[in-house]
Amino acid sequence: MSIAADLIRGHTDAIILAQLIAEDSYGYKINNTIKEATDNRYELKEATLYTAFRRLEQSGCISSYWGDGEGGARRRYYSITKRGTETYLNLVNEWKQANEIINKLIYSERAEETDK
């Protein structure tokens, strides 16, 4: 079963910030981590990923710098800022609240009665 992209799309910022809390990283590696974590059921499109990086950097949630990768290739690395950590925590809290509401609506007694 594949995960509906529409369901995840609204949480792109939280997903990226979660990756950057663990360590500074670059786009390709972040996207690979997302693919691996979802058993290849979800990945961000390159345009979506870099648009999110730009938005997060403009809002002060992340900063970027150039660094050398494997084989001497220059890569743009991203790191989370204090504001980014605060934003991440707010987004996680919003997700928890939305998840609770959706679960109540989906798993209501009436809905469960129709499954029988």
PDB file of N, CA and C in Angstrom:
ATOM      1  N   MET A   1       0.846  -1.179   0.000  1.00  0.00           N
ATOM      2  CA  MET A   1       0.000   0.000   0.000  1.00  0.00           C
ATOM      3  C   MET A   1       0.889   1.240   0.000  1.00  0.00           C
ATOM      4  N   SER A   2       0.642   2.144  -0.934  1.00  0.00           N
ATOM      5  CA  SER A   2       1.444   3.364  -0.985  1.00  0.00           C
ATOM      6  C   SER A   2       0.781   4.459  -0.160  1.00  0.00           C
ATOM      7  N   ILE A   3       1.591   5.347   0.330  1.00  0.00           N
ATOM      8  CA  ILE A   3       1.101   6.455   1.143  1.00  0.00           C
ATOM      9  C   ILE A   3       0.673   7.571   0.193  1.00  0.00           C
ATOM     10  N   ALA A   4      -0.498   8.111   0.390  1.00  0.00           N
ATOM     11  CA  ALA A   4      -0.991   9.189  -0.463  1.00  0.00           C
ATOM     12  C   ALA A   4      -0.109  10.421  -0.297  1.00  0.00           C
ATOM     13  N   ALA A   5       0.437  10.886  -1.414  1.00  0.00           N
ATOM     14  CA  ALA A   5       1.326  12.049  -1.372  1.00  0.00           C
ATOM     15  C   ALA A   5       0.611  13.278  -0.830  1.00  0.00           C
ATOM     16  N   ASP A   6      -0.670  13.427  -1.147  1.00  0.00           N
ATOM     17  CA  ASP A   6      -1.423  14.591  -0.658  1.00  0.00           C
ATOM     18  C   ASP A   6      -1.468  14.638   0.862  1.00  0.00           C
ATOM     19  N   LEU A   7      -1.532  13.491   1.484  1.00  0.00           N
ATOM     20  CA  LEU A   7      -1.599  13.424   2.938  1.00  0.00           C
ATOM     21  C   LEU A   7      -0.288  13.895   3.570  1.00  0.00           C
ATOM     22  N   ILE A   8       0.809  13.620   2.909  1.00  0.00           N
ATOM     23  CA  ILE A   8       2.128  13.956   3.443  1.00  0.00           C
ATOM     24  C   ILE A   8       2.580  15.359   3.030  1.00  0.00           C
ATOM     25  N   ARG A   9       2.159  15.805   1.869  1.00  0.00           N
ATOM     26  CA  ARG A   9       2.661  17.047   1.288  1.00  0.00           C
ATOM     27  C   ARG A   9       2.605  18.238   2.238  1.00  0.00           C
ATOM     28  N   GLY A  10       1.576  18.355   3.021  1.00  0.00           N
ATOM     29  CA  GLY A  10       1.439  19.477   3.941  1.00  0.00           C
ATOM     30  C   GLY A  10       2.410  19.439   5.111  1.00  0.00           C
ATOM     31  N   HIS A  11       3.192  18.396   5.201  1.00  0.00           N
ATOM     32  CA  HIS A  11       4.115  18.232   6.325  1.00  0.00           C
ATOM     33  C   HIS A  11       5.580  18.218   5.889  1.00  0.00           C
ATOM     34  N   THR A  12       5.825  18.723   4.687  1.00  0.00           N
ATOM     35  CA  THR A  12       7.180  18.735   4.134  1.00  0.00           C
ATOM     36  C   THR A  12       8.157  19.459   5.051  1.00  0.00           C
ATOM     37  N   ASP A  13       7.772  20.616   5.561  1.00  0.00           N
ATOM     38  CA  ASP A  13       8.683  21.380   6.423  1.00  0.00           C
ATOM     39  C   ASP A  13       9.042  20.580   7.670  1.00  0.00           C
ATOM     40  N   ALA A  14       8.062  19.971   8.298  1.00  0.00           N
ATOM     41  CA  ALA A  14       8.327  19.181   9.509  1.00  0.00           C
ATOM     42  C   ALA A  14       9.239  18.003   9.195  1.00  0.00           C
ATOM     43  N   ILE A  15       9.036  17.371   8.047  1.00  0.00           N
ATOM     44  CA  ILE A  15       9.860  16.220   7.659  1.00  0.00           C
ATOM     45  C   ILE A  15      11.313  16.647   7.457  1.00  0.00           C
ATOM     46  N   ILE A  16      11.510  17.756   6.769  1.00  0.00           N
ATOM     47  CA  ILE A  16      12.873  18.251   6.531  1.00  0.00           C
ATOM     48  C   ILE A  16      13.526  18.690   7.839  1.00  0.00           C
ATOM     49  N   LEU A  17      12.793  19.438   8.654  1.00  0.00           N
ATOM     50  CA  LEU A  17      13.360  19.888   9.932  1.00  0.00           C
ATOM     51  C   LEU A  17      13.714  18.706  10.830  1.00  0.00           C
ATOM     52  N   ALA A  18      12.915  17.653  10.793  1.00  0.00           N
ATOM     53  CA  ALA A  18      13.212  16.457  11.591  1.00  0.00           C
ATOM     54  C   ALA A  18      14.542  15.842  11.160  1.00  0.00           C
ATOM     55  N   GLN A  19      14.816  15.858   9.871  1.00  0.00           N
ATOM     56  CA  GLN A  19      16.085  15.315   9.382  1.00  0.00           C
ATOM     57  C   GLN A  19      17.258  16.177   9.841  1.00  0.00           C
ATOM     58  N   LEU A  20      17.046  17.490   9.860  1.00  0.00           N
ATOM     59  CA  LEU A  20      18.134  18.407  10.212  1.00  0.00           C
ATOM     60  C   LEU A  20      18.366  18.499  11.716  1.00  0.00           C
ATOM     61  N   ILE A  21      17.398  18.096  12.519  1.00  0.00           N
ATOM     62  CA  ILE A  21      17.631  18.053  13.958  1.00  0.00           C
ATOM     63  C   ILE A  21      18.707  17.018  14.267  1.00  0.00           C
ATOM     64  N   ALA A  22      18.692  15.934  13.531  1.00  0.00           N
ATOM     65  CA  ALA A  22      19.665  14.862  13.756  1.00  0.00           C
ATOM     66  C   ALA A  22      21.077  15.299  13.362  1.00  0.00           C
ATOM     67  N   GLU A  23      21.199  15.991  12.217  1.00  0.00           N
ATOM     68  CA  GLU A  23      22.521  16.427  11.743  1.00  0.00           C
ATOM     69  C   GLU A  23      22.360  17.351  10.547  1.00  0.00           C
ATOM     70  N   ASP A  24      23.374  18.158  10.293  1.00  0.00           N
ATOM     71  CA  ASP A  24      23.405  18.958   9.074  1.00  0.00           C
ATOM     72  C   ASP A  24      23.410  17.992   7.896  1.00  0.00           C
ATOM     73  N   SER A  25      22.786  18.392   6.816  1.00  0.00           N
ATOM     74  CA  SER A  25      22.721  17.484   5.679  1.00  0.00           C
ATOM     75  C   SER A  25      22.484  18.254   4.398  1.00  0.00           C
ATOM     76  N   TYR A  26      22.441  17.546   3.277  1.00  0.00           N
ATOM     77  CA  TYR A  26      22.212  18.135   1.971  1.00  0.00           C
ATOM     78  C   TYR A  26      21.021  17.437   1.322  1.00  0.00           C
ATOM     79  N   GLY A  27      20.476  18.055   0.294  1.00  0.00           N
ATOM     80  CA  GLY A  27      19.225  17.611  -0.299  1.00  0.00           C
ATOM     81  C   GLY A  27      19.160  16.149  -0.692  1.00  0.00           C
ATOM     82  N   TYR A  28      20.143  15.689  -1.435  1.00  0.00           N
ATOM     83  CA  TYR A  28      20.125  14.305  -1.913  1.00  0.00           C
ATOM     84  C   TYR A  28      20.094  13.316  -0.750  1.00  0.00           C
ATOM     85  N   LYS A  29      20.890  13.581   0.270  1.00  0.00           N
ATOM     86  CA  LYS A  29      20.940  12.683   1.421  1.00  0.00           C
ATOM     87  C   LYS A  29      19.624  12.711   2.200  1.00  0.00           C
ATOM     88  N   ILE A  30      19.044  13.877   2.359  1.00  0.00           N
ATOM     89  CA  ILE A  30      17.761  13.986   3.063  1.00  0.00           C
ATOM     90  C   ILE A  30      16.699  13.187   2.327  1.00  0.00           C
ATOM     91  N   ASN A  31      16.648  13.348   1.004  1.00  0.00           N
ATOM     92  CA  ASN A  31      15.643  12.623   0.236  1.00  0.00           C
ATOM     93  C   ASN A  31      15.868  11.113   0.303  1.00  0.00           C
ATOM     94  N   ASN A  32      17.111  10.678   0.268  1.00  0.00           N
ATOM     95  CA  ASN A  32      17.398   9.241   0.403  1.00  0.00           C
ATOM     96  C   ASN A  32      16.987   8.715   1.773  1.00  0.00           C
ATOM     97  N   THR A  33      17.218   9.499   2.805  1.00  0.00           N
ATOM     98  CA  THR A  33      16.814   9.100   4.154  1.00  0.00           C
ATOM     99  C   THR A  33      15.301   8.944   4.234  1.00  0.00           C
ATOM    100  N   ILE A  34      14.572   9.862   3.608  1.00  0.00           N
ATOM    101  CA  ILE A  34      13.107   9.791   3.580  1.00  0.00           C
ATOM    102  C   ILE A  34      12.664   8.530   2.845  1.00  0.00           C
ATOM    103  N   LYS A  35      13.276   8.253   1.699  1.00  0.00           N
ATOM    104  CA  LYS A  35      12.927   7.055   0.932  1.00  0.00           C
ATOM    105  C   LYS A  35      13.186   5.788   1.744  1.00  0.00           C
ATOM    106  N   GLU A  36      14.350   5.724   2.386  1.00  0.00           N
ATOM    107  CA  GLU A  36      14.693   4.545   3.188  1.00  0.00           C
ATOM    108  C   GLU A  36      13.740   4.377   4.369  1.00  0.00           C
ATOM    109  N   ALA A  37      13.418   5.490   5.035  1.00  0.00           N
ATOM    110  CA  ALA A  37      12.542   5.421   6.207  1.00  0.00           C
ATOM    111  C   ALA A  37      11.131   4.961   5.847  1.00  0.00           C
ATOM    112  N   THR A  38      10.733   5.197   4.592  1.00  0.00           N
ATOM    113  CA  THR A  38       9.388   4.821   4.153  1.00  0.00           C
ATOM    114  C   THR A  38       9.410   3.582   3.250  1.00  0.00           C
ATOM    115  N   ASP A  39      10.493   2.837   3.289  1.00  0.00           N
ATOM    116  CA  ASP A  39      10.638   1.648   2.441  1.00  0.00           C
ATOM    117  C   ASP A  39      10.330   1.966   0.978  1.00  0.00           C
ATOM    118  N   ASN A  40      10.858   3.080   0.506  1.00  0.00           N
ATOM    119  CA  ASN A  40      10.715   3.552  -0.875  1.00  0.00           C
ATOM    120  C   ASN A  40       9.271   3.856  -1.288  1.00  0.00           C
ATOM    121  N   ARG A  41       8.406   4.111  -0.322  1.00  0.00           N
ATOM    122  CA  ARG A  41       7.016   4.439  -0.642  1.00  0.00           C
ATOM    123  C   ARG A  41       6.806   5.929  -0.804  1.00  0.00           C
ATOM    124  N   TYR A  42       7.778   6.744  -0.382  1.00  0.00           N
ATOM    125  CA  TYR A  42       7.623   8.191  -0.489  1.00  0.00           C
ATOM    126  C   TYR A  42       8.972   8.850  -0.679  1.00  0.00           C
ATOM    127  N   GLU A  43       8.990   9.828  -1.561  1.00  0.00           N
ATOM    128  CA  GLU A  43      10.159  10.681  -1.712  1.00  0.00           C
ATOM    129  C   GLU A  43       9.675  12.051  -2.144  1.00  0.00           C
ATOM    130  N   LEU A  44      10.449  13.044  -1.814  1.00  0.00           N
ATOM    131  CA  LEU A  44      10.114  14.405  -2.219  1.00  0.00           C
ATOM    132  C   LEU A  44      10.629  14.646  -3.625  1.00  0.00           C
ATOM    133  N   LYS A  45       9.835  15.333  -4.417  1.00  0.00           N
ATOM    134  CA  LYS A  45      10.322  15.736  -5.731  1.00  0.00           C
ATOM    135  C   LYS A  45      11.397  16.782  -5.505  1.00  0.00           C
ATOM    136  N   GLU A  46      12.383  16.801  -6.396  1.00  0.00           N
ATOM    137  CA  GLU A  46      13.506  17.717  -6.235  1.00  0.00           C
ATOM    138  C   GLU A  46      13.034  19.169  -6.136  1.00  0.00           C
ATOM    139  N   ALA A  47      12.083  19.556  -6.977  1.00  0.00           N
ATOM    140  CA  ALA A  47      11.583  20.930  -6.945  1.00  0.00           C
ATOM    141  C   ALA A  47      10.910  21.239  -5.607  1.00  0.00           C
ATOM    142  N   THR A  48      10.169  20.285  -5.076  1.00  0.00           N
ATOM    143  CA  THR A  48       9.498  20.466  -3.783  1.00  0.00           C
ATOM    144  C   THR A  48      10.531  20.621  -2.677  1.00  0.00           C
ATOM    145  N   LEU A  49      11.553  19.788  -2.703  1.00  0.00           N
ATOM    146  CA  LEU A  49      12.594  19.808  -1.680  1.00  0.00           C
ATOM    147  C   LEU A  49      13.317  21.157  -1.659  1.00  0.00           C
ATOM    148  N   TYR A  50      13.756  21.615  -2.828  1.00  0.00           N
ATOM    149  CA  TYR A  50      14.533  22.853  -2.860  1.00  0.00           C
ATOM    150  C   TYR A  50      13.664  24.094  -2.662  1.00  0.00           C
ATOM    151  N   THR A  51      12.392  24.025  -3.033  1.00  0.00           N
ATOM    152  CA  THR A  51      11.472  25.117  -2.709  1.00  0.00           C
ATOM    153  C   THR A  51      11.289  25.206  -1.193  1.00  0.00           C
ATOM    154  N   ALA A  52      11.188  24.058  -0.548  1.00  0.00           N
ATOM    155  CA  ALA A  52      11.058  24.029   0.917  1.00  0.00           C
ATOM    156  C   ALA A  52      12.325  24.559   1.579  1.00  0.00           C
ATOM    157  N   PHE A  53      13.493  24.178   1.066  1.00  0.00           N
ATOM    158  CA  PHE A  53      14.747  24.707   1.611  1.00  0.00           C
ATOM    159  C   PHE A  53      14.754  26.236   1.532  1.00  0.00           C
ATOM    160  N   ARG A  54      14.366  26.768   0.386  1.00  0.00           N
ATOM    161  CA  ARG A  54      14.363  28.226   0.201  1.00  0.00           C
ATOM    162  C   ARG A  54      13.398  28.891   1.187  1.00  0.00           C
ATOM    163  N   ARG A  55      12.206  28.322   1.303  1.00  0.00           N
ATOM    164  CA  ARG A  55      11.185  28.873   2.214  1.00  0.00           C
ATOM    165  C   ARG A  55      11.673  28.822   3.665  1.00  0.00           C
ATOM    166  N   LEU A  56      12.246  27.682   4.058  1.00  0.00           N
ATOM    167  CA  LEU A  56      12.730  27.521   5.437  1.00  0.00           C
ATOM    168  C   LEU A  56      13.909  28.443   5.726  1.00  0.00           C
ATOM    169  N   GLU A  57      14.758  28.653   4.731  1.00  0.00           N
ATOM    170  CA  GLU A  57      15.895  29.553   4.932  1.00  0.00           C
ATOM    171  C   GLU A  57      15.425  30.999   5.026  1.00  0.00           C
ATOM    172  N   GLN A  58      14.487  31.391   4.176  1.00  0.00           N
ATOM    173  CA  GLN A  58      13.967  32.763   4.215  1.00  0.00           C
ATOM    174  C   GLN A  58      13.242  33.062   5.521  1.00  0.00           C
ATOM    175  N   SER A  59      12.641  32.046   6.116  1.00  0.00           N
ATOM    176  CA  SER A  59      11.919  32.253   7.373  1.00  0.00           C
ATOM    177  C   SER A  59      12.839  32.131   8.594  1.00  0.00           C
ATOM    178  N   GLY A  60      14.107  31.839   8.370  1.00  0.00           N
ATOM    179  CA  GLY A  60      15.068  31.757   9.471  1.00  0.00           C
ATOM    180  C   GLY A  60      15.074  30.413  10.191  1.00  0.00           C
ATOM    181  N   CYS A  61      14.440  29.405   9.617  1.00  0.00           N
ATOM    182  CA  CYS A  61      14.389  28.083  10.261  1.00  0.00           C
ATOM    183  C   CYS A  61      15.630  27.248   9.991  1.00  0.00           C
ATOM    184  N   ILE A  62      16.272  27.502   8.864  1.00  0.00           N
ATOM    185  CA  ILE A  62      17.505  26.801   8.534  1.00  0.00           C
ATOM    186  C   ILE A  62      18.507  27.798   7.974  1.00  0.00           C
ATOM    187  N   SER A  63      19.751  27.405   7.981  1.00  0.00           N
ATOM    188  CA  SER A  63      20.789  28.170   7.310  1.00  0.00           C
ATOM    189  C   SER A  63      21.546  27.192   6.418  1.00  0.00           C
ATOM    190  N   SER A  64      22.310  27.727   5.477  1.00  0.00           N
ATOM    191  CA  SER A  64      23.043  26.851   4.569  1.00  0.00           C
ATOM    192  C   SER A  64      24.486  27.297   4.453  1.00  0.00           C
ATOM    193  N   TYR A  65      25.304  26.355   4.033  1.00  0.00           N
ATOM    194  CA  TYR A  65      26.717  26.636   3.806  1.00  0.00           C
ATOM    195  C   TYR A  65      27.244  25.630   2.797  1.00  0.00           C
ATOM    196  N   TRP A  66      28.325  25.990   2.146  1.00  0.00           N
ATOM    197  CA  TRP A  66      28.942  25.091   1.181  1.00  0.00           C
ATOM    198  C   TRP A  66      29.979  24.236   1.884  1.00  0.00           C
ATOM    199  N   GLY A  67      29.968  22.965   1.564  1.00  0.00           N
ATOM    200  CA  GLY A  67      30.939  22.040   2.137  1.00  0.00           C
ATOM    201  C   GLY A  67      31.367  21.032   1.095  1.00  0.00           C
ATOM    202  N   ASP A  68      32.429  20.339   1.387  1.00  0.00           N
ATOM    203  CA  ASP A  68      32.927  19.317   0.477  1.00  0.00           C
ATOM    204  C   ASP A  68      32.326  17.973   0.834  1.00  0.00           C
ATOM    205  N   GLY A  69      31.858  17.288  -0.172  1.00  0.00           N
ATOM    206  CA  GLY A  69      31.302  15.957   0.017  1.00  0.00           C
ATOM    207  C   GLY A  69      32.307  14.908  -0.381  1.00  0.00           C
ATOM    208  N   GLU A  70      31.814  13.694  -0.538  1.00  0.00           N
ATOM    209  CA  GLU A  70      32.679  12.595  -0.959  1.00  0.00           C
ATOM    210  C   GLU A  70      33.226  12.889  -2.345  1.00  0.00           C
ATOM    211  N   GLY A  71      34.478  12.539  -2.566  1.00  0.00           N
ATOM    212  CA  GLY A  71      35.082  12.755  -3.870  1.00  0.00           C
ATOM    213  C   GLY A  71      35.370  14.209  -4.175  1.00  0.00           C
ATOM    214  N   GLY A  72      35.295  15.067  -3.173  1.00  0.00           N
ATOM    215  CA  GLY A  72      35.617  16.471  -3.359  1.00  0.00           C
ATOM    216  C   GLY A  72      34.509  17.313  -3.965  1.00  0.00           C
ATOM    217  N   ALA A  73      33.337  16.724  -4.188  1.00  0.00           N
ATOM    218  CA  ALA A  73      32.222  17.488  -4.751  1.00  0.00           C
ATOM    219  C   ALA A  73      31.717  18.494  -3.725  1.00  0.00           C
ATOM    220  N   ARG A  74      31.466  19.727  -4.189  1.00  0.00           N
ATOM    221  CA  ARG A  74      30.914  20.746  -3.281  1.00  0.00           C
ATOM    222  C   ARG A  74      29.413  20.553  -3.179  1.00  0.00           C
ATOM    223  N   ARG A  75      28.941  20.602  -1.951  1.00  0.00           N
ATOM    224  CA  ARG A  75      27.510  20.443  -1.690  1.00  0.00           C
ATOM    225  C   ARG A  75      27.041  21.567  -0.795  1.00  0.00           C
ATOM    226  N   ARG A  76      25.778  21.897  -0.968  1.00  0.00           N
ATOM    227  CA  ARG A  76      25.168  22.899  -0.091  1.00  0.00           C
ATOM    228  C   ARG A  76      24.536  22.141   1.063  1.00  0.00           C
ATOM    229  N   TYR A  77      25.049  22.391   2.251  1.00  0.00           N
ATOM    230  CA  TYR A  77      24.541  21.751   3.462  1.00  0.00           C
ATOM    231  C   TYR A  77      23.568  22.689   4.155  1.00  0.00           C
ATOM    232  N   TYR A  78      22.624  22.094   4.842  1.00  0.00           N
ATOM    233  CA  TYR A  78      21.624  22.847   5.581  1.00  0.00           C
ATOM    234  C   TYR A  78      21.703  22.468   7.051  1.00  0.00           C
ATOM    235  N   SER A  79      21.505  23.456   7.910  1.00  0.00           N
ATOM    236  CA  SER A  79      21.483  23.187   9.349  1.00  0.00           C
ATOM    237  C   SER A  79      20.278  23.906   9.949  1.00  0.00           C
ATOM    238  N   ILE A  80      19.754  23.323  10.982  1.00  0.00           N
ATOM    239  CA  ILE A  80      18.574  23.888  11.637  1.00  0.00           C
ATOM    240  C   ILE A  80      19.016  24.986  12.606  1.00  0.00           C
ATOM    241  N   THR A  81      18.210  26.013  12.712  1.00  0.00           N
ATOM    242  CA  THR A  81      18.486  27.113  13.638  1.00  0.00           C
ATOM    243  C   THR A  81      17.601  26.955  14.882  1.00  0.00           C
ATOM    244  N   LYS A  82      17.811  27.829  15.830  1.00  0.00           N
ATOM    245  CA  LYS A  82      16.956  27.810  17.024  1.00  0.00           C
ATOM    246  C   LYS A  82      15.493  28.014  16.626  1.00  0.00           C
ATOM    247  N   ARG A  83      15.244  28.952  15.730  1.00  0.00           N
ATOM    248  CA  ARG A  83      13.882  29.186  15.246  1.00  0.00           C
ATOM    249  C   ARG A  83      13.342  27.932  14.551  1.00  0.00           C
ATOM    250  N   GLY A  84      14.201  27.247  13.821  1.00  0.00           N
ATOM    251  CA  GLY A  84      13.796  26.021  13.142  1.00  0.00           C
ATOM    252  C   GLY A  84      13.396  24.925  14.125  1.00  0.00           C
ATOM    253  N   THR A  85      14.139  24.812  15.213  1.00  0.00           N
ATOM    254  CA  THR A  85      13.801  23.824  16.241  1.00  0.00           C
ATOM    255  C   THR A  85      12.453  24.164  16.873  1.00  0.00           C
ATOM    256  N   GLU A  86      12.235  25.439  17.151  1.00  0.00           N
ATOM    257  CA  GLU A  86      10.944  25.864  17.709  1.00  0.00           C
ATOM    258  C   GLU A  86       9.807  25.586  16.719  1.00  0.00           C
ATOM    259  N   THR A  87      10.050  25.889  15.460  1.00  0.00           N
ATOM    260  CA  THR A  87       9.048  25.636  14.419  1.00  0.00           C
ATOM    261  C   THR A  87       8.756  24.150  14.322  1.00  0.00           C
ATOM    262  N   TYR A  88       9.805  23.331  14.344  1.00  0.00           N
ATOM    263  CA  TYR A  88       9.630  21.879  14.290  1.00  0.00           C
ATOM    264  C   TYR A  88       8.750  21.393  15.442  1.00  0.00           C
ATOM    265  N   LEU A  89       9.034  21.855  16.643  1.00  0.00           N
ATOM    266  CA  LEU A  89       8.245  21.432  17.803  1.00  0.00           C
ATOM    267  C   LEU A  89       6.785  21.865  17.665  1.00  0.00           C
ATOM    268  N   ASN A  90       6.554  23.065  17.139  1.00  0.00           N
ATOM    269  CA  ASN A  90       5.178  23.534  16.896  1.00  0.00           C
ATOM    270  C   ASN A  90       4.483  22.680  15.849  1.00  0.00           C
ATOM    271  N   LEU A  91       5.198  22.341  14.777  1.00  0.00           N
ATOM    272  CA  LEU A  91       4.612  21.519  13.717  1.00  0.00           C
ATOM    273  C   LEU A  91       4.280  20.108  14.212  1.00  0.00           C
ATOM    274  N   VAL A  92       5.144  19.564  15.050  1.00  0.00           N
ATOM    275  CA  VAL A  92       4.877  18.235  15.624  1.00  0.00           C
ATOM    276  C   VAL A  92       3.638  18.297  16.513  1.00  0.00           C
ATOM    277  N   ASN A  93       3.529  19.355  17.310  1.00  0.00           N
ATOM    278  CA  ASN A  93       2.359  19.521  18.166  1.00  0.00           C
ATOM    279  C   ASN A  93       1.083  19.645  17.324  1.00  0.00           C
ATOM    280  N   GLU A  94       1.150  20.432  16.248  1.00  0.00           N
ATOM    281  CA  GLU A  94      -0.002  20.559  15.351  1.00  0.00           C
ATOM    282  C   GLU A  94      -0.372  19.207  14.756  1.00  0.00           C
ATOM    283  N   TRP A  95       0.643  18.429  14.357  1.00  0.00           N
ATOM    284  CA  TRP A  95       0.390  17.107  13.792  1.00  0.00           C
ATOM    285  C   TRP A  95      -0.298  16.199  14.809  1.00  0.00           C
ATOM    286  N   LYS A  96       0.169  16.225  16.032  1.00  0.00           N
ATOM    287  CA  LYS A  96      -0.437  15.394  17.071  1.00  0.00           C
ATOM    288  C   LYS A  96      -1.903  15.756  17.273  1.00  0.00           C
ATOM    289  N   GLN A  97      -2.195  17.051  17.300  1.00  0.00           N
ATOM    290  CA  GLN A  97      -3.578  17.496  17.478  1.00  0.00           C
ATOM    291  C   GLN A  97      -4.446  17.093  16.282  1.00  0.00           C
ATOM    292  N   ALA A  98      -3.924  17.288  15.076  1.00  0.00           N
ATOM    293  CA  ALA A  98      -4.680  16.912  13.873  1.00  0.00           C
ATOM    294  C   ALA A  98      -4.891  15.406  13.822  1.00  0.00           C
ATOM    295  N   ASN A  99      -3.870  14.657  14.181  1.00  0.00           N
ATOM    296  CA  ASN A  99      -3.965  13.194  14.196  1.00  0.00           C
ATOM    297  C   ASN A  99      -5.038  12.731  15.181  1.00  0.00           C
ATOM    298  N   GLU A 100      -5.073  13.357  16.339  1.00  0.00           N
ATOM    299  CA  GLU A 100      -6.076  13.012  17.343  1.00  0.00           C
ATOM    300  C   GLU A 100      -7.491  13.293  16.823  1.00  0.00           C
ATOM    301  N   ILE A 101      -7.672  14.442  16.201  1.00  0.00           N
ATOM    302  CA  ILE A 101      -8.989  14.801  15.664  1.00  0.00           C
ATOM    303  C   ILE A 101      -9.391  13.848  14.544  1.00  0.00           C
ATOM    304  N   ILE A 102      -8.483  13.590  13.625  1.00  0.00           N
ATOM    305  CA  ILE A 102      -8.789  12.694  12.502  1.00  0.00           C
ATOM    306  C   ILE A 102      -9.106  11.296  13.002  1.00  0.00           C
ATOM    307  N   ASN A 103      -8.337  10.806  13.956  1.00  0.00           N
ATOM    308  CA  ASN A 103      -8.623   9.479  14.519  1.00  0.00           C
ATOM    309  C   ASN A 103     -10.016   9.425  15.143  1.00  0.00           C
ATOM    310  N   LYS A 104     -10.385  10.475  15.848  1.00  0.00           N
ATOM    311  CA  LYS A 104     -11.727  10.511  16.444  1.00  0.00           C
ATOM    312  C   LYS A 104     -12.810  10.479  15.375  1.00  0.00           C
ATOM    313  N   LEU A 105     -12.572  11.176  14.277  1.00  0.00           N
ATOM    314  CA  LEU A 105     -13.559  11.226  13.209  1.00  0.00           C
ATOM    315  C   LEU A 105     -13.602   9.932  12.395  1.00  0.00           C
ATOM    316  N   ILE A 106     -12.457   9.366  12.143  1.00  0.00           N
ATOM    317  CA  ILE A 106     -12.402   8.141  11.344  1.00  0.00           C
ATOM    318  C   ILE A 106     -12.850   6.927  12.143  1.00  0.00           C
ATOM    319  N   TYR A 107     -12.442   6.874  13.396  1.00  0.00           N
ATOM    320  CA  TYR A 107     -12.745   5.706  14.225  1.00  0.00           C
ATOM    321  C   TYR A 107     -13.930   5.961  15.155  1.00  0.00           C
ATOM    322  N   SER A 108     -14.878   6.743  14.674  1.00  0.00           N
ATOM    323  CA  SER A 108     -16.069   6.992  15.486  1.00  0.00           C
ATOM    324  C   SER A 108     -16.886   5.708  15.590  1.00  0.00           C
ATOM    325  N   GLU A 109     -17.779   5.672  16.544  1.00  0.00           N
ATOM    326  CA  GLU A 109     -18.611   4.477  16.736  1.00  0.00           C
ATOM    327  C   GLU A 109     -19.430   4.188  15.501  1.00  0.00           C
ATOM    328  N   ARG A 110     -19.952   5.217  14.854  1.00  0.00           N
ATOM    329  CA  ARG A 110     -20.777   5.009  13.651  1.00  0.00           C
ATOM    330  C   ARG A 110     -19.959   4.399  12.534  1.00  0.00           C
ATOM    331  N   ALA A 111     -18.736   4.890  12.358  1.00  0.00           N
ATOM    332  CA  ALA A 111     -17.864   4.360  11.290  1.00  0.00           C
ATOM    333  C   ALA A 111     -17.525   2.893  11.574  1.00  0.00           C
ATOM    334  N   GLU A 112     -17.261   2.568  12.837  1.00  0.00           N
ATOM    335  CA  GLU A 112     -16.930   1.196  13.186  1.00  0.00           C
ATOM    336  C   GLU A 112     -18.124   0.273  12.999  1.00  0.00           C
ATOM    337  N   GLU A 113     -19.338   0.783  13.177  1.00  0.00           N
ATOM    338  CA  GLU A 113     -20.543  -0.039  12.983  1.00  0.00           C
ATOM    339  C   GLU A 113     -20.714  -0.438  11.526  1.00  0.00           C
ATOM    340  N   THR A 114     -20.298   0.425  10.598  1.00  0.00           N
ATOM    341  CA  THR A 114     -20.443   0.102   9.180  1.00  0.00           C
ATOM    342  C   THR A 114     -19.421  -0.927   8.727  1.00  0.00           C
ATOM    343  N   ASP A 115     -18.350  -1.100   9.499  1.00  0.00           N
ATOM    344  CA  ASP A 115     -17.345  -2.105   9.164  1.00  0.00           C
ATOM    345  C   ASP A 115     -17.807  -3.512   9.483  1.00  0.00           C
ATOM    346  N   LYS A 116     -18.828  -3.642  10.322  1.00  0.00           N
ATOM    347  CA  LYS A 116     -19.268  -4.966  10.769  1.00  0.00           C
ATOM    348  C   LYS A 116     -20.080  -5.686   9.729  1.00  0.00           C
TER     349      LYS A 116
END
